[in-house]
Every structure is written in structure tokens, then in C-alpha cells.
Amino acid sequence: MIRSIKYFLLISLLLSITLASAINGIGNYLLDEKVLQPYLDGQLIRLSTLITVINQSAESSTILRKDIIDSLRNQSTKDQKFIFQIWDKSGALIMQSQDQSSVQLKDAPNGFSDRLIDNNDWRIYSAYDVKTQSTIIVAELYNLRRELADDIARSNANVLLITYPAFGLLVWFIISLALRSVTRVTNEISSRASTYLEPVQLTEIPIEIKPLVGELNQLFIRLKLAFERNKRFAADAAHELRTPLAALKTHAQVALKSDNETDRAKALEKVIESVNRSSHVVAQLLTLSRLGEEETLTDMKPMDLHKLSTEIIAYLAPHAIDKNIEIELSPSPPDPIVLGNDTALGIMIRNIVDNAIRYTPSGGEIRVSILDRDDQILFRVVDTGTGIPAELRERVFERFYRILGTKTSGSGLGLAIVSQITHLHHAVISLNTPENGKGLQFDVAFPRYHA
């Protein structure tokens, strides 16, 4: 596990530089020998040419010849790196390096050759001078070439060792500069109040960490909406429960003070009604709280909308019968399948049908049907109730909104829940007046599920 990105990058980069430098040094050492070989061979050729020219010039002067021989001998003695010999056409040695009389190079072939002399490797160059009819042979120790390659490699290593601390500081500075944006984001988040959940600004943030900051912003948005939803739930609960709780208290006080059994029984019935209303309001508030706009429904699966409607209507049928309302579900079309969450869809159907039962007077009718419309499956509820004026059909989906003059009990949250569930299912709601001009036609159009 990486504990620190900065130290991990620093150590990794320095190790990479070290490894690359080592490979580069070894490669340069091997290449240097190949590069130096032709250069030093050229030096032997130039030295052989120089000796040839001097030998030709010295033939006419014995004094000059002696001075040149002494100079070349002294030079070879100082360096001890090369030797030379000059052989005449009869095979007699006419000139050689000092103290090299034991070394015989007469049989060296023309051009370059290698020879082991006294356990030392020598590079030899032999050339024939036509003018003087003599053979000039120069030889150089291979150790010189190796020493030059070693010196170059050693110099490179010294440069690396000298500059290594500078590399470390430079790498540290670059990494710190690159991670500065991470530090800035960290400081910004750490200095925030627990209730400040605004997104982090994405300006001047490297591309590599933008996805991380983007996901962090999405988390902030979800947390903000969740906090707002919880605050809204508390406010809504306080608002909605204030009236039924006050009524509950009043009816309970009436029951306690009443000496008449009939009055006491009526007061207790009112207490039960207030408890039922409070329970209904709490249930609706909890449902709405769980269905925040930012949520995504889980357990989405293909659902038979007609089958689910049958189950919900069978549950609500007793309420319709109590009000003397006829409720009917039309036959199912072929494959009325939608992709949805069964619990959420059940809540939606129950709220729509329950609203129709609440606002349809005694003796009325409710028709529920599932219709096949091209690429849509339509859930339709038509009632013979009071209907909703066209100008209020959008407002009825607002939380706690109830049409003035409505005598039916309710919390004003049912259609808000329906709207949220349809939104999560990518469905579309439309409210219309039925063809007979009476009541309300409530349509929810779902995208058809394609397997």
C-alpha cells in the first residue's frame, strides 16, 4: 500500500534515474571503446606518416637524423605507451624506440594487427615507404585505450554523483508543484464547516484528479440534498402534525370531562380519527422523504403493470365498497411490461386509486385500465368525481397543496409522491377531463420495456 504519493514518486524517480544512468554509463563505456578504436587507429596512422616524412627528410643529414631519432626515442621512453621501428629493404633495423631492442615487429603485416608482447596487448600499424624502401612500424598499448574509456566512464559517474542531489531537489520540487492542487483541495475541504456542502471548484485542477474531485462534488450534492430532505421532513412533520395533534388533545380532553357516555364515545371516535390521520400523514411523509429527487431506485426489474394493479385494487376495493363506488379494472393488453421497482409502483398505483376513491362521491364509478400505446404502456384511472380545474392541474403535485373547499381528509402529499415516483421511472403524467365531461382522467405513460 502506498502511504505517500510524494515519497513514492520521489524514490521511484530517483531509482529510475539511477538505473537509467547506470545503463547509460555501461552502454557509453562499451560504445566509447568502439568510438575510440578508429580515432586512436588514426593516431597511429598519423604517427606512422610523421615518422615516414621525418625519415625521408633525415636521410640527407646525419646530424638531423640523429636529433630526430633521439627525440622520438625520448618521447616513447616518457610515455611508455607506444614503440616504433624502421626496417630497411634488406631487413636491417635502422631505427627503433629506446630500450625496445627485444621486441621484434619486422614480420608485422601491412596495415593494422594485434599482438601479445610480454603479456601486454599491442595495437600495431605497419606501412611501407616506397621512397626510402623501408618499413615503418608503430605499436600502441591497448591499455591506453582502456584507460581513456575508463576515464570517460569515471568522469560521467563523477558528474552524476555531483548532480544527483540536484536531481533529487529538482524532482522533489516538481512533485510538490504537481501535488499542490491536491493540497489545495485538501485544505479547502478540511477548513469547511460541517454544514457547508457546496461543490469544490474544478478550476486549476489537473486532469488526473478531476474525476476524483467530480465524484467528491457529486457526494457533496447528494449529502446536501439528503440534509435538506431531512430538514424538510422535520419541518413538514411539525407543520402537518400540529393540527391533528391539537385536535387529538382537544378530543381527549372532551372525553375526559364528559359525563355523558354518548358524548364520550363520540369524542373517542374523534380521537381515533385524529390518530388515523396522524398515522397517514407520517406514512406519507416517510415515503416522500425516502424518494428524494437525487435518489436512484434500486431493484429495477421488468414488472407486469396489470398484475400489480390487480393486487393494489383488490386491497383498496373494500374502501370503494364502503362508499358505494363501483371500481373496475379493464382486461390486460399483451405484455404490459415496464421496468420498475415493485414497491414504488405499488405506492404510486395505491395513491392514484386512493385519491380517486376519496374524491368520487357515493354511487360513482372508477375505471382502471392498462393500455398499449406504441412504445408506451399507459396506466389510466378515470373517475366520476369532482375533477380538477385545468388551471390547478400542475399545482396539485406540490407538497401539501390542497384545492380550497375540499372536504375530503388528506395530507396533500399523495400526488407529490406520485409525481416523484413517475419521475424516477422516467414516466410522464397527464391530467385530462374524460370524454363525458365529468370527473378526472389520470394518465401515467411508462416507456415500454424491451428485453
Protein backbone atom coordinates (compact mmCIF):
# COMPACT_ATOMS: atom_id res chain seq x y z
CA MET A 1 0.00 0.00 0.00
CA ILE A 2 1.31 3.45 -0.94
CA ARG A 3 1.40 5.62 2.19
CA SER A 4 2.69 8.76 0.49
CA ILE A 5 2.43 9.57 -3.22
CA LYS A 6 5.14 12.22 -2.88
CA TYR A 7 7.73 9.88 -1.33
CA PHE A 8 6.73 7.05 -3.63
CA LEU A 9 7.26 9.23 -6.71
CA LEU A 10 10.50 10.70 -5.35
CA ILE A 11 12.05 7.31 -4.57
CA SER A 12 10.74 5.74 -7.78
CA LEU A 13 12.02 8.56 -9.98
CA LEU A 14 15.43 8.66 -8.30
CA LEU A 15 15.77 4.90 -8.62
CA SER A 16 14.72 5.18 -12.26
CA ILE A 17 17.31 7.91 -12.84
CA THR A 18 19.96 5.78 -11.13
CA LEU A 19 19.08 2.71 -13.18
CA ALA A 20 18.92 4.69 -16.42
CA SER A 21 22.25 6.37 -15.64
CA ALA A 22 23.88 3.03 -14.84
CA ILE A 23 22.62 1.51 -18.08
CA ASN A 24 23.70 4.63 -19.93
CA GLY A 25 27.17 4.51 -18.30
CA ILE A 26 27.69 0.85 -19.18
CA GLY A 27 26.47 1.48 -22.71
CA ASN A 28 28.71 4.51 -23.08
CA TYR A 29 31.69 2.54 -21.75
CA LEU A 30 31.16 -0.17 -24.34
CA LEU A 31 30.49 2.35 -27.08
CA ASP A 32 33.45 4.51 -26.10
CA GLU A 33 35.83 1.69 -26.88
CA LYS A 34 34.31 1.32 -30.34
CA VAL A 35 34.38 5.08 -30.89
CA LEU A 36 37.93 5.45 -29.60
CA GLN A 37 39.24 2.49 -31.65
CA PRO A 38 39.11 4.19 -35.09
CA TYR A 39 40.22 7.50 -33.60
CA LEU A 40 43.31 6.00 -31.99
CA ASP A 41 43.96 3.91 -35.08
CA GLY A 42 44.01 7.19 -36.96
CA GLN A 43 46.53 8.48 -34.46
CA LEU A 44 48.79 5.51 -35.29
CA ILE A 45 48.43 6.23 -39.00
CA ARG A 46 49.31 9.90 -38.47
CA LEU A 47 52.26 8.95 -36.27
CA SER A 48 53.48 6.49 -38.89
CA THR A 49 53.14 9.16 -41.57
CA LEU A 50 55.02 11.67 -39.46
CA ILE A 51 57.87 9.21 -38.89
CA THR A 52 57.94 8.43 -42.60
CA VAL A 53 58.20 12.12 -43.51
CA ILE A 54 60.88 12.72 -40.92
CA ASN A 55 62.78 9.63 -42.07
CA GLN A 56 62.73 10.84 -45.66
CA SER A 57 63.93 14.31 -44.65
CA ALA A 58 66.62 12.95 -42.35
CA GLU A 59 68.27 10.75 -44.96
CA SER A 60 70.24 13.69 -46.35
CA SER A 61 71.56 14.84 -42.99
CA THR A 62 73.18 12.59 -40.47
CA ILE A 63 73.00 15.24 -37.73
CA LEU A 64 69.27 15.80 -38.34
CA ARG A 65 68.68 12.09 -38.43
CA LYS A 66 70.40 11.64 -35.08
CA ASP A 67 68.38 14.51 -33.49
CA ILE A 68 65.07 13.06 -34.74
CA ILE A 69 65.94 9.57 -33.54
CA ASP A 70 66.84 10.90 -30.11
CA SER A 71 63.64 12.97 -29.95
CA LEU A 72 61.36 10.02 -30.91
CA ARG A 73 63.20 7.67 -28.57
CA ASN A 74 62.91 10.10 -25.68
CA GLN A 75 59.18 10.62 -26.35
CA SER A 76 58.48 6.90 -26.44
CA THR A 77 60.52 6.46 -23.27
CA LYS A 78 58.49 9.10 -21.43
CA ASP A 79 55.08 7.73 -22.41
CA GLN A 80 55.95 4.03 -22.45
CA LYS A 81 52.68 3.75 -24.45
CA PHE A 82 53.98 3.26 -27.96
CA ILE A 83 57.04 1.94 -29.77
CA PHE A 84 58.26 2.35 -33.33
CA GLN A 85 60.72 0.58 -35.59
CA ILE A 86 62.09 1.34 -39.05
CA TRP A 87 63.42 -1.55 -41.16
CA ASP A 88 65.30 -1.13 -44.43
CA LYS A 89 64.72 -3.23 -47.52
CA SER A 90 67.42 -5.70 -46.54
CA GLY A 91 65.68 -6.43 -43.23
CA ALA A 92 68.08 -4.46 -41.06
CA LEU A 93 66.70 -2.39 -38.18
CA ILE A 94 67.75 1.21 -38.81
CA MET A 95 65.77 2.96 -36.08
CA GLN A 96 63.67 1.97 -33.05
CA SER A 97 62.34 3.15 -29.72
CA GLN A 98 64.80 3.20 -26.86
CA ASP A 99 65.02 0.05 -24.70
CA GLN A 100 62.81 -1.94 -27.07
CA SER A 101 65.54 -3.99 -28.74
CA SER A 102 63.97 -7.22 -27.56
CA VAL A 103 60.74 -6.51 -29.39
CA GLN A 104 60.80 -7.66 -32.96
CA LEU A 105 57.98 -6.27 -35.17
CA LYS A 106 59.61 -6.89 -38.54
CA ASP A 107 57.18 -9.61 -39.51
CA ALA A 108 54.09 -7.49 -38.79
CA PRO A 109 51.76 -7.49 -41.81
CA ASN A 110 50.95 -4.26 -43.63
CA GLY A 111 48.08 -2.38 -42.04
CA PHE A 112 46.65 -2.99 -38.61
CA SER A 113 47.19 -6.08 -36.49
CA ASP A 114 47.12 -7.11 -32.83
CA ARG A 115 49.90 -8.89 -30.96
CA LEU A 116 50.63 -10.06 -27.43
CA ILE A 117 54.10 -8.88 -26.42
CA ASP A 118 55.49 -9.54 -22.93
CA ASN A 119 51.96 -10.31 -21.70
CA ASN A 120 50.70 -6.96 -22.99
CA ASP A 121 48.25 -6.40 -25.82
CA TRP A 122 49.56 -4.12 -28.55
CA ARG A 123 47.89 -2.47 -31.50
CA ILE A 124 50.30 -2.46 -34.44
CA TYR A 125 50.32 -0.48 -37.69
CA SER A 126 52.83 -1.25 -40.44
CA ALA A 127 53.41 0.84 -43.59
CA TYR A 128 55.96 0.52 -46.43
CA ASP A 129 57.71 3.68 -47.66
CA VAL A 130 58.47 3.31 -51.37
CA LYS A 131 60.76 6.35 -51.48
CA THR A 132 63.14 5.14 -48.81
CA GLN A 133 62.30 1.47 -49.39
CA SER A 134 61.83 0.98 -45.65
CA THR A 135 59.05 -0.32 -43.42
CA ILE A 136 57.75 1.88 -40.62
CA ILE A 137 56.02 0.06 -37.78
CA VAL A 138 54.32 1.78 -34.82
CA ALA A 139 52.64 -0.02 -31.92
CA GLU A 140 50.48 1.20 -29.04
CA LEU A 141 49.45 -0.49 -25.81
CA TYR A 142 45.75 -1.40 -25.63
CA ASN A 143 45.86 -0.26 -22.02
CA LEU A 144 45.89 3.32 -23.28
CA ARG A 145 42.56 2.78 -24.99
CA ARG A 146 41.08 1.13 -21.92
CA GLU A 147 42.35 3.91 -19.69
CA LEU A 148 40.73 6.51 -21.93
CA ALA A 149 37.39 4.63 -21.80
CA ASP A 150 37.73 4.26 -18.03
CA ASP A 151 38.50 7.96 -17.66
CA ILE A 152 35.39 8.89 -19.65
CA ALA A 153 33.19 6.50 -17.65
CA ARG A 154 34.70 7.78 -14.40
CA SER A 155 34.06 11.37 -15.45
CA ASN A 156 30.44 10.57 -16.29
CA ALA A 157 30.00 8.83 -12.93
CA ASN A 158 31.53 11.83 -11.12
CA VAL A 159 29.19 14.20 -12.94
CA LEU A 160 26.22 12.02 -11.97
CA LEU A 161 27.30 11.88 -8.32
CA ILE A 162 27.77 15.64 -8.23
CA THR A 163 24.41 16.34 -9.89
CA TYR A 164 22.45 13.60 -8.04
CA PRO A 165 21.49 15.83 -5.09
CA ALA A 166 20.39 18.48 -7.59
CA PHE A 167 18.28 15.83 -9.35
CA GLY A 168 16.72 14.90 -6.01
CA LEU A 169 15.85 18.51 -5.17
CA LEU A 170 14.51 19.13 -8.66
CA VAL A 171 12.33 16.01 -8.57
CA TRP A 172 11.08 16.94 -5.09
CA PHE A 173 10.20 20.44 -6.29
CA ILE A 174 8.38 19.15 -9.38
CA ILE A 175 6.38 16.58 -7.38
CA SER A 176 5.47 19.17 -4.75
CA LEU A 177 4.37 21.54 -7.51
CA ALA A 178 2.29 18.81 -9.17
CA LEU A 179 0.62 17.85 -5.87
CA ARG A 180 -0.07 21.43 -4.86
CA SER A 181 -3.59 21.24 -6.29
CA VAL A 182 -4.26 18.13 -4.17
CA THR A 183 -3.04 20.02 -1.12
CA ARG A 184 -5.25 22.97 -2.02
CA VAL A 185 -8.33 20.76 -2.36
CA THR A 186 -7.45 19.04 0.92
CA ASN A 187 -7.07 22.37 2.74
CA GLU A 188 -10.32 23.65 1.26
CA ILE A 189 -12.26 20.59 2.41
CA SER A 190 -10.60 20.41 5.84
CA SER A 191 -11.40 24.07 6.55
CA ARG A 192 -15.09 23.71 5.70
CA ALA A 193 -17.87 23.80 8.24
CA SER A 194 -19.81 20.55 8.58
CA THR A 195 -22.88 22.17 7.03
CA TYR A 196 -21.08 23.68 4.02
CA LEU A 197 -21.58 21.22 1.19
CA GLU A 198 -21.05 23.36 -1.89
CA PRO A 199 -19.04 21.72 -4.73
CA VAL A 200 -15.28 22.15 -4.89
CA GLN A 201 -14.20 24.42 -7.73
CA LEU A 202 -12.69 22.43 -10.62
CA THR A 203 -10.56 25.29 -11.98
CA GLU A 204 -6.79 24.81 -11.99
CA ILE A 205 -7.10 21.13 -11.14
CA PRO A 206 -5.04 18.55 -13.10
CA ILE A 207 -6.93 16.25 -15.43
CA GLU A 208 -5.86 13.19 -13.43
CA ILE A 209 -7.68 14.23 -10.24
CA LYS A 210 -10.68 15.93 -11.86
CA PRO A 211 -12.69 12.65 -11.81
CA LEU A 212 -11.94 12.28 -8.08
CA VAL A 213 -12.97 15.87 -7.33
CA GLY A 214 -16.01 15.44 -9.61
CA GLU A 215 -17.16 12.37 -7.68
CA LEU A 216 -16.50 14.23 -4.42
CA ASN A 217 -18.70 17.06 -5.66
CA GLN A 218 -21.44 14.58 -6.53
CA LEU A 219 -21.19 13.23 -2.99
CA PHE A 220 -21.49 16.76 -1.61
CA ILE A 221 -24.58 17.34 -3.74
CA ARG A 222 -26.18 14.10 -2.55
CA LEU A 223 -25.37 14.91 1.07
CA LYS A 224 -26.73 18.42 0.67
CA LEU A 225 -29.98 17.14 -0.80
CA ALA A 226 -30.22 14.48 1.90
CA PHE A 227 -29.73 17.09 4.64
CA GLU A 228 -32.28 19.37 3.02
CA ARG A 229 -34.70 16.49 2.73
CA ASN A 230 -34.26 15.64 6.41
CA LYS A 231 -34.75 19.27 7.39
CA ARG A 232 -37.79 19.45 5.15
CA PHE A 233 -39.17 16.26 6.68
CA ALA A 234 -38.84 17.70 10.20
CA ALA A 235 -40.48 20.97 9.14
CA ASP A 236 -43.23 19.16 7.24
CA ALA A 237 -43.91 16.82 10.14
CA ALA A 238 -44.11 19.74 12.57
CA HIS A 239 -46.40 21.62 10.20
CA GLU A 240 -48.70 18.76 9.31
CA LEU A 241 -48.94 17.11 12.72
CA ARG A 242 -49.60 20.31 14.63
CA THR A 243 -53.30 20.41 13.69
CA PRO A 244 -54.21 16.71 14.15
CA LEU A 245 -52.27 16.57 17.43
CA ALA A 246 -54.06 19.67 18.69
CA ALA A 247 -57.38 18.11 17.67
CA LEU A 248 -56.36 14.84 19.30
CA LYS A 249 -55.61 16.66 22.54
CA THR A 250 -58.93 18.53 22.39
CA HIS A 251 -60.98 15.39 21.75
CA ALA A 252 -59.13 13.56 24.53
CA GLN A 253 -59.88 16.43 26.95
CA VAL A 254 -63.54 16.38 25.90
CA ALA A 255 -63.69 12.63 26.53
CA LEU A 256 -62.15 13.07 29.98
CA LYS A 257 -64.54 15.85 31.00
CA SER A 258 -67.68 14.35 29.50
CA ASP A 259 -70.17 12.74 31.88
CA ASN A 260 -72.35 11.51 29.02
CA GLU A 261 -71.40 8.12 27.56
CA THR A 262 -72.64 9.12 24.11
CA ASP A 263 -70.57 12.30 24.08
CA ARG A 264 -67.57 10.42 25.45
CA ALA A 265 -67.90 7.75 22.72
CA LYS A 266 -68.10 10.42 20.00
CA ALA A 267 -65.04 12.15 21.45
CA LEU A 268 -63.11 8.86 21.48
CA GLU A 269 -64.14 8.22 17.87
CA LYS A 270 -62.70 11.64 17.02
CA VAL A 271 -59.53 10.67 18.86
CA ILE A 272 -59.25 7.54 16.70
CA GLU A 273 -59.86 9.62 13.55
CA SER A 274 -57.11 12.03 14.59
CA VAL A 275 -54.72 9.14 15.28
CA ASN A 276 -55.52 7.62 11.87
CA ARG A 277 -54.98 10.96 10.17
CA SER A 278 -51.67 11.45 12.00
CA SER A 279 -50.56 7.92 11.07
CA HIS A 280 -51.46 8.54 7.44
CA VAL A 281 -49.58 11.84 7.38
CA VAL A 282 -46.48 10.25 8.97
CA ALA A 283 -46.56 7.35 6.49
CA GLN A 284 -46.85 9.74 3.54
CA LEU A 285 -44.07 11.97 4.90
CA LEU A 286 -41.76 9.00 5.35
CA THR A 287 -42.48 7.79 1.83
CA LEU A 288 -41.82 11.22 0.34
CA SER A 289 -38.64 11.56 2.40
CA ARG A 290 -37.26 8.30 1.01
CA LEU A 291 -37.98 9.38 -2.56
CA GLY A 292 -35.66 12.37 -2.86
CA GLU A 293 -35.11 13.81 -6.32
CA GLU A 294 -31.48 12.83 -6.27
CA GLU A 295 -32.18 9.18 -5.50
CA THR A 296 -31.96 6.33 -7.97
CA LEU A 297 -34.31 3.42 -7.48
CA THR A 298 -32.69 0.05 -6.93
CA ASP A 299 -34.05 -3.41 -7.68
CA MET A 300 -35.44 -2.24 -11.01
CA LYS A 301 -36.85 -5.21 -12.89
CA PRO A 302 -39.48 -6.00 -15.53
CA MET A 303 -42.92 -5.62 -13.94
CA ASP A 304 -46.37 -6.70 -15.17
CA LEU A 305 -48.27 -3.44 -14.59
CA HIS A 306 -51.69 -5.09 -14.94
CA LYS A 307 -50.88 -7.80 -12.40
CA LEU A 308 -49.59 -5.24 -9.89
CA SER A 309 -52.67 -3.05 -10.45
CA THR A 310 -54.90 -6.07 -9.75
CA GLU A 311 -53.24 -6.62 -6.37
CA ILE A 312 -53.49 -2.95 -5.32
CA ILE A 313 -57.12 -2.58 -6.44
CA ALA A 314 -58.08 -5.75 -4.58
CA TYR A 315 -56.58 -4.16 -1.44
CA LEU A 316 -58.46 -0.86 -1.96
CA ALA A 317 -61.77 -2.38 -3.11
CA PRO A 318 -63.27 -2.52 0.43
CA HIS A 319 -62.85 1.27 0.76
CA ALA A 320 -64.68 1.77 -2.53
CA ILE A 321 -67.45 -0.59 -1.48
CA ASP A 322 -67.84 1.31 1.82
CA LYS A 323 -68.51 4.47 -0.22
CA ASN A 324 -70.77 2.62 -2.66
CA ILE A 325 -68.34 3.22 -5.54
CA GLU A 326 -68.00 0.82 -8.41
CA ILE A 327 -64.36 0.13 -9.25
CA GLU A 328 -63.33 -1.84 -12.32
CA LEU A 329 -60.05 -2.98 -13.90
CA SER A 330 -60.11 -3.49 -17.67
CA PRO A 331 -58.62 -6.63 -19.25
CA SER A 332 -54.88 -6.66 -19.76
CA PRO A 333 -53.26 -5.96 -23.13
CA PRO A 334 -50.50 -8.34 -24.34
CA ASP A 335 -47.24 -7.93 -22.37
CA PRO A 336 -47.93 -4.77 -20.29
CA ILE A 337 -44.32 -4.88 -19.06
CA VAL A 338 -42.44 -1.87 -17.68
CA LEU A 339 -39.08 -1.59 -15.96
CA GLY A 340 -39.66 -0.51 -12.40
CA ASN A 341 -39.45 -1.02 -8.66
CA ASP A 342 -42.44 -3.00 -7.44
CA THR A 343 -42.69 -1.21 -4.08
CA ALA A 344 -42.55 2.26 -5.62
CA LEU A 345 -45.00 1.37 -8.39
CA GLY A 346 -47.35 -0.12 -5.79
CA ILE A 347 -47.25 3.15 -3.80
CA MET A 348 -47.95 5.12 -6.99
CA ILE A 349 -50.95 3.00 -8.01
CA ARG A 350 -52.33 2.99 -4.46
CA ASN A 351 -52.13 6.79 -4.17
CA ILE A 352 -53.76 7.42 -7.55
CA VAL A 353 -56.61 4.98 -6.97
CA ASP A 354 -56.99 6.05 -3.32
CA ASN A 355 -57.31 9.70 -4.46
CA ALA A 356 -59.97 8.67 -6.97
CA ILE A 357 -61.90 6.84 -4.23
CA ARG A 358 -61.58 9.83 -1.86
CA TYR A 359 -62.83 12.41 -4.34
CA THR A 360 -65.53 10.33 -6.05
CA PRO A 361 -68.93 10.74 -4.42
CA SER A 362 -71.10 7.82 -3.36
CA GLY A 363 -72.62 5.98 -6.31
CA GLY A 364 -69.76 6.97 -8.61
CA GLU A 365 -67.52 4.85 -10.81
CA ILE A 366 -63.79 4.34 -11.20
CA ARG A 367 -62.31 2.66 -14.26
CA VAL A 368 -58.68 1.50 -14.20
CA SER A 369 -57.08 0.32 -17.44
CA ILE A 370 -53.67 -0.58 -18.82
CA LEU A 371 -53.31 0.50 -22.47
CA ASP A 372 -50.75 -0.30 -25.16
CA ARG A 373 -49.65 2.86 -26.99
CA ASP A 374 -46.81 2.22 -29.47
CA ASP A 375 -43.61 2.42 -27.36
CA GLN A 376 -45.51 3.25 -24.17
CA ILE A 377 -47.58 1.44 -21.59
CA LEU A 378 -50.32 3.73 -20.29
CA PHE A 379 -51.74 3.43 -16.77
CA ARG A 380 -55.13 5.22 -16.73
CA VAL A 381 -57.61 5.94 -13.95
CA VAL A 382 -60.92 7.58 -14.87
CA ASP A 383 -63.36 8.62 -12.13
CA THR A 384 -66.67 10.42 -11.91
CA GLY A 385 -65.56 12.65 -9.06
CA THR A 386 -65.30 16.41 -8.73
CA GLY A 387 -62.33 16.64 -11.08
CA ILE A 388 -59.56 19.22 -11.01
CA PRO A 389 -59.79 22.62 -12.74
CA ALA A 390 -57.36 22.92 -15.67
CA GLU A 391 -55.53 25.87 -14.08
CA LEU A 392 -54.79 23.84 -10.92
CA ARG A 393 -53.64 20.59 -12.51
CA GLU A 394 -49.97 21.43 -12.11
CA ARG A 395 -50.25 22.75 -8.57
CA VAL A 396 -51.89 19.61 -7.18
CA PHE A 397 -48.48 17.88 -7.40
CA GLU A 398 -46.97 20.40 -4.99
CA ARG A 399 -46.38 19.21 -1.46
CA PHE A 400 -49.25 19.98 0.95
CA TYR A 401 -51.27 21.73 -1.71
CA ARG A 402 -55.00 21.06 -1.49
CA ILE A 403 -57.75 22.66 -3.52
CA LEU A 404 -59.79 25.12 -1.50
CA GLY A 405 -63.19 23.87 -0.47
CA THR A 406 -62.16 20.22 -0.47
CA LYS A 407 -63.94 18.49 2.39
CA THR A 408 -62.22 15.14 1.95
CA SER A 409 -59.49 14.42 4.51
CA GLY A 410 -55.93 14.20 3.25
CA SER A 411 -52.39 15.40 3.75
CA GLY A 412 -51.71 16.97 0.37
CA LEU A 413 -48.73 14.68 -0.13
CA GLY A 414 -50.22 11.80 -2.15
CA LEU A 415 -49.83 13.33 -5.60
CA ALA A 416 -46.39 14.74 -4.70
CA ILE A 417 -45.31 11.17 -4.02
CA VAL A 418 -46.86 10.00 -7.29
CA SER A 419 -45.00 12.73 -9.19
CA GLN A 420 -41.69 11.74 -7.63
CA ILE A 421 -42.16 8.02 -8.36
CA THR A 422 -43.06 8.68 -12.01
CA HIS A 423 -40.02 10.93 -12.33
CA LEU A 424 -37.77 8.14 -11.05
CA HIS A 425 -39.34 5.77 -13.61
CA HIS A 426 -38.97 8.27 -16.49
CA ALA A 427 -42.75 8.28 -16.87
CA VAL A 428 -44.99 11.21 -17.83
CA ILE A 429 -48.19 12.27 -16.03
CA SER A 430 -51.09 13.98 -17.77
CA LEU A 431 -54.44 15.08 -16.29
CA ASN A 432 -57.45 15.46 -18.57
CA THR A 433 -61.21 15.64 -18.47
CA PRO A 434 -62.91 12.40 -19.59
CA GLU A 435 -64.91 12.34 -22.82
CA ASN A 436 -68.20 12.53 -20.89
CA GLY A 437 -67.01 15.82 -19.40
CA LYS A 438 -67.28 14.65 -15.79
CA GLY A 439 -64.58 13.69 -13.32
CA LEU A 440 -60.87 13.26 -14.00
CA GLN A 441 -58.73 11.14 -16.30
CA PHE A 442 -55.32 10.44 -14.73
CA ASP A 443 -52.73 9.03 -17.18
CA VAL A 444 -49.18 7.84 -16.49
CA ALA A 445 -47.19 6.91 -19.62
CA PHE A 446 -44.28 4.49 -19.00
CA PRO A 447 -41.54 3.64 -21.53
CA ARG A 448 -42.09 0.14 -22.87
CA TYR A 449 -39.60 -2.41 -21.62
CA HIS A 450 -37.55 -4.09 -24.37
CA ALA A 451 -35.85 -7.27 -23.27
